[in-house]
Protein backbone atom coordinates (compact mmCIF):
# COMPACT_ATOMS: atom_id res chain seq x y z
CA MET A 1 18.58 -30.99 -59.69
CA GLU A 2 17.93 -32.52 -56.30
CA ILE A 3 21.13 -31.04 -54.90
CA ILE A 4 20.11 -27.57 -56.10
CA LEU A 5 16.68 -27.93 -54.44
CA ILE A 6 18.32 -29.08 -51.20
CA GLN A 7 20.73 -26.11 -51.32
CA ILE A 8 17.85 -23.68 -51.95
CA PHE A 9 15.81 -25.24 -49.15
CA ALA A 10 18.80 -25.09 -46.76
CA THR A 11 19.47 -21.45 -47.72
CA VAL A 12 15.82 -20.46 -47.18
CA PHE A 13 15.74 -22.36 -43.89
CA PHE A 14 18.97 -20.68 -42.73
CA VAL A 15 17.87 -17.16 -43.78
CA GLY A 16 14.45 -17.70 -42.18
CA GLY A 17 16.13 -18.87 -38.99
CA VAL A 18 18.34 -15.78 -38.93
CA PHE A 19 15.30 -13.51 -39.41
CA LEU A 20 13.42 -15.32 -36.63
CA LEU A 21 16.44 -14.99 -34.35
CA ILE A 22 16.71 -11.26 -35.08
CA PHE A 23 12.96 -10.81 -34.56
CA TRP A 24 13.10 -12.72 -31.27
CA MET A 25 16.08 -10.67 -30.03
CA ILE A 26 14.34 -7.38 -30.86
CA ARG A 27 11.17 -8.48 -29.05
CA ARG A 28 13.22 -9.70 -26.09
CA LYS A 29 15.09 -6.41 -25.90
CA LYS A 30 11.83 -4.45 -25.89
CA PHE A 31 10.42 -6.76 -23.23
CA LEU A 32 13.49 -6.49 -21.02
CA LYS A 33 13.71 -2.74 -21.55
CA GLN A 34 10.51 -2.24 -19.54
CA PHE A 35 12.24 -3.73 -16.51
CA SER A 36 15.33 -1.57 -16.78
CA PHE A 37 14.86 0.84 -13.90
CA ASN A 38 18.38 2.13 -13.64
CA LYS A 39 17.34 5.01 -15.84
CA ARG A 40 15.11 7.67 -14.36
CA PRO A 41 11.59 7.63 -15.79
CA HIS A 42 10.43 10.59 -17.84
CA ILE A 43 8.58 12.99 -15.57
CA ASP A 44 5.72 13.23 -18.06
CA ASP A 45 5.22 9.47 -18.41
CA PHE A 46 2.64 8.65 -15.76
CA GLU A 47 2.31 4.95 -16.63
CA GLU A 48 6.06 4.42 -16.49
CA LEU A 49 6.19 6.07 -13.07
CA LEU A 50 3.50 3.72 -11.79
CA SER A 51 5.20 0.60 -13.13
CA SER A 52 8.54 1.82 -11.80
CA SER A 53 7.08 2.41 -8.33
CA PHE A 54 5.48 -1.04 -8.38
CA TYR A 55 8.76 -2.69 -9.35
CA LYS A 56 10.71 -0.74 -6.74
CA SER A 57 8.25 -1.59 -3.97
CA TYR A 58 8.38 -5.24 -5.00
CA SER A 59 12.18 -5.02 -4.81
CA LYS A 60 11.90 -3.48 -1.31
CA ASP A 61 13.20 -0.09 -2.55
CA PHE A 62 10.44 1.75 -0.69
CA ILE A 63 12.11 5.16 -0.79
CA GLY A 64 12.57 4.96 -4.57
CA ALA A 65 8.96 3.86 -4.97
CA ILE A 66 7.78 6.81 -2.87
CA GLU A 67 9.83 9.18 -5.04
CA ASP A 68 8.14 7.80 -8.17
CA ILE A 69 4.71 8.15 -6.60
CA ASN A 70 5.53 11.73 -5.58
CA ARG A 71 6.36 12.50 -9.22
CA ALA A 72 3.16 10.78 -10.35
CA LEU A 73 1.19 12.87 -7.84
CA LYS A 74 2.55 16.02 -9.49
CA LEU A 75 0.93 14.81 -12.70
CA LYS A 76 -2.34 13.58 -11.17
CA PRO A 77 -2.77 15.08 -7.69
CA HIS A 78 -6.39 13.94 -7.30
CA MET A 79 -5.78 10.19 -7.64
CA GLU A 80 -6.67 8.72 -4.27
CA ARG A 81 -5.03 5.41 -5.19
CA LEU A 82 -1.61 7.09 -5.32
CA TYR A 83 -2.01 8.41 -1.77
CA PHE A 84 -3.09 4.94 -0.68
CA GLN A 85 -0.04 3.32 -2.30
CA ARG A 86 2.29 5.91 -0.79
CA ALA A 87 0.73 5.32 2.62
CA LYS A 88 1.37 1.58 2.31
CA LEU A 89 5.01 2.27 1.44
CA LYS A 90 5.41 4.68 4.36
CA GLU A 91 3.87 2.05 6.59
CA GLU A 92 6.59 -0.38 5.41
CA LEU A 93 9.15 2.24 6.49
CA LYS A 94 7.35 2.47 9.86
CA ASP A 95 6.54 6.15 9.29
CA TYR A 96 3.05 5.76 10.73
CA GLU A 97 2.20 9.46 11.06
CA ALA A 98 2.94 10.12 7.38
CA ALA A 99 1.07 6.96 6.38
CA LYS A 100 -1.93 8.03 8.44
CA ALA A 101 -1.86 11.45 6.74
CA ASP A 102 -1.81 9.81 3.30
CA TYR A 103 -4.71 7.51 4.20
CA THR A 104 -6.60 10.59 5.38
CA LYS A 105 -5.88 12.36 2.09
CA ALA A 106 -7.11 9.31 0.15
CA ILE A 107 -10.29 9.29 2.25
CA LEU A 108 -10.82 13.01 1.61
CA LEU A 109 -10.58 12.37 -2.13
CA LYS A 110 -12.82 9.28 -2.00
CA SER A 111 -15.11 9.27 1.01
CA ASN A 112 -16.15 5.62 0.61
CA TYR A 113 -12.58 4.23 0.48
CA ASP A 114 -13.18 1.29 2.80
CA VAL A 115 -9.65 -0.16 2.73
CA ALA A 116 -8.15 3.26 3.50
CA TYR A 117 -10.39 3.46 6.59
CA LEU A 118 -9.31 -0.06 7.53
CA ASN A 119 -5.60 0.65 7.18
CA ARG A 120 -5.82 4.00 8.97
CA GLY A 121 -7.70 2.26 11.77
CA LEU A 122 -4.96 -0.36 12.03
CA ILE A 123 -2.32 2.34 12.30
CA LYS A 124 -4.32 4.06 15.02
CA LEU A 125 -4.55 0.70 16.78
CA LYS A 126 -0.73 0.37 16.63
CA GLN A 127 -0.43 3.90 18.02
CA GLN A 128 -2.83 3.04 20.84
CA ASP A 129 -5.46 5.53 19.65
CA TYR A 130 -8.19 3.02 20.40
CA LEU A 131 -11.16 5.36 20.06
CA GLY A 132 -9.95 6.62 16.67
CA ALA A 133 -9.19 3.06 15.57
CA LYS A 134 -12.67 1.88 16.55
CA LYS A 135 -14.28 4.76 14.66
CA ASP A 136 -12.30 4.03 11.46
CA LEU A 137 -12.85 0.28 11.68
CA ILE A 138 -16.60 0.73 12.14
CA LYS A 139 -16.67 3.03 9.10
CA ALA A 140 -14.72 0.48 7.03
CA GLN A 141 -17.15 -2.25 8.02
CA GLN A 142 -20.15 -0.05 7.20
CA LEU A 143 -18.71 0.65 3.75
CA ASN A 144 -17.85 -2.97 2.99
CA LYS A 145 -19.57 -5.79 4.84
CA ASN A 146 -17.13 -8.28 3.25
CA LEU A 147 -14.14 -6.99 5.23
CA ASN A 148 -14.26 -9.87 7.70
CA GLU A 149 -11.05 -9.03 9.54
CA VAL A 150 -12.43 -5.64 10.62
CA GLY A 151 -14.54 -7.20 13.37
CA LEU A 152 -11.50 -8.79 14.99
CA PHE A 153 -9.53 -5.55 15.06
CA ARG A 154 -12.55 -3.57 16.23
CA ARG A 155 -13.00 -5.97 19.14
CA GLU A 156 -9.33 -5.53 20.03
CA ALA A 157 -9.83 -1.75 20.14
CA GLU A 158 -12.98 -2.17 22.25
CA ILE A 159 -11.12 -4.39 24.73
CA HIS A 160 -8.43 -1.73 25.14
CA ILE A 161 -11.08 0.99 25.52
CA THR A 162 -12.78 -1.07 28.24
CA LYS A 163 -9.45 -1.56 30.03
CA LEU A 164 -8.75 2.17 29.81
CA ASN A 165 -12.19 3.00 31.19
CA GLU A 166 -11.67 0.61 34.12
CA GLN A 167 -8.23 2.10 34.84
CA GLN A 168 -9.67 5.62 34.68
CA LYS A 169 -12.47 4.57 37.07
CA ASP A 170 -9.88 3.15 39.49
CA ILE A 171 -7.87 6.38 39.34
CA ILE A 172 -10.99 8.46 39.98
CA ASP A 173 -11.88 6.20 42.91
CA LEU A 174 -8.37 6.60 44.25
CA PHE A 175 -8.69 10.37 44.42
CA ASP A 176 -12.34 10.42 45.44
CA ASP A 177 -12.84 12.33 48.68
CA SER A 178 -16.02 10.52 49.71
CA GLY A 179 -15.79 8.16 52.64
CA ASN A 180 -16.84 5.04 50.71
CA SER A 181 -14.01 4.95 48.10
CA GLN A 182 -11.59 2.07 47.98
CA LYS A 183 -8.25 3.78 47.56
CA GLY A 184 -6.28 0.55 47.22
CA ASN A 185 -7.98 -0.64 43.98
CA ALA A 186 -5.83 1.36 41.57
CA ILE A 187 -2.59 -0.01 42.97
């Protein structure tokens, strides 16, 4: 009798273990399937496009991530966050003009998008458009007082603007026809 009970218990334990193993493998397969990006996402699956673009950008496949965001934009063209994400990816590719255009589009869709103003201002700072950078950075700081780093970048733009104004003044003095100009200052 005891041997029969032990055999029944062992059989139940073994069958239960097999079922748990099968259940675990099915769950694991579903879990891993969401990270399989070799297949192209369905064009009508917006959420899958977003997760695919996130994974690709994390994997440094910026071009693939931009392609996914472009497809997502066809589905939801008025989502400012998509333009912002695409701008960040284009910035990684050092395509600053396209990134600036996407930040501008995001700002047009959401006029109080403080981080878009900040990032567009930083691009303008890289491109030496100091007046435009200062304007965007001031707007970002007005929209969000907690953006502490804005002040530092704004001061950098102001320093360059001051230097430009001094250089322009020296050039004007150089070509000034009045008798009291110091023509050697600009050189």
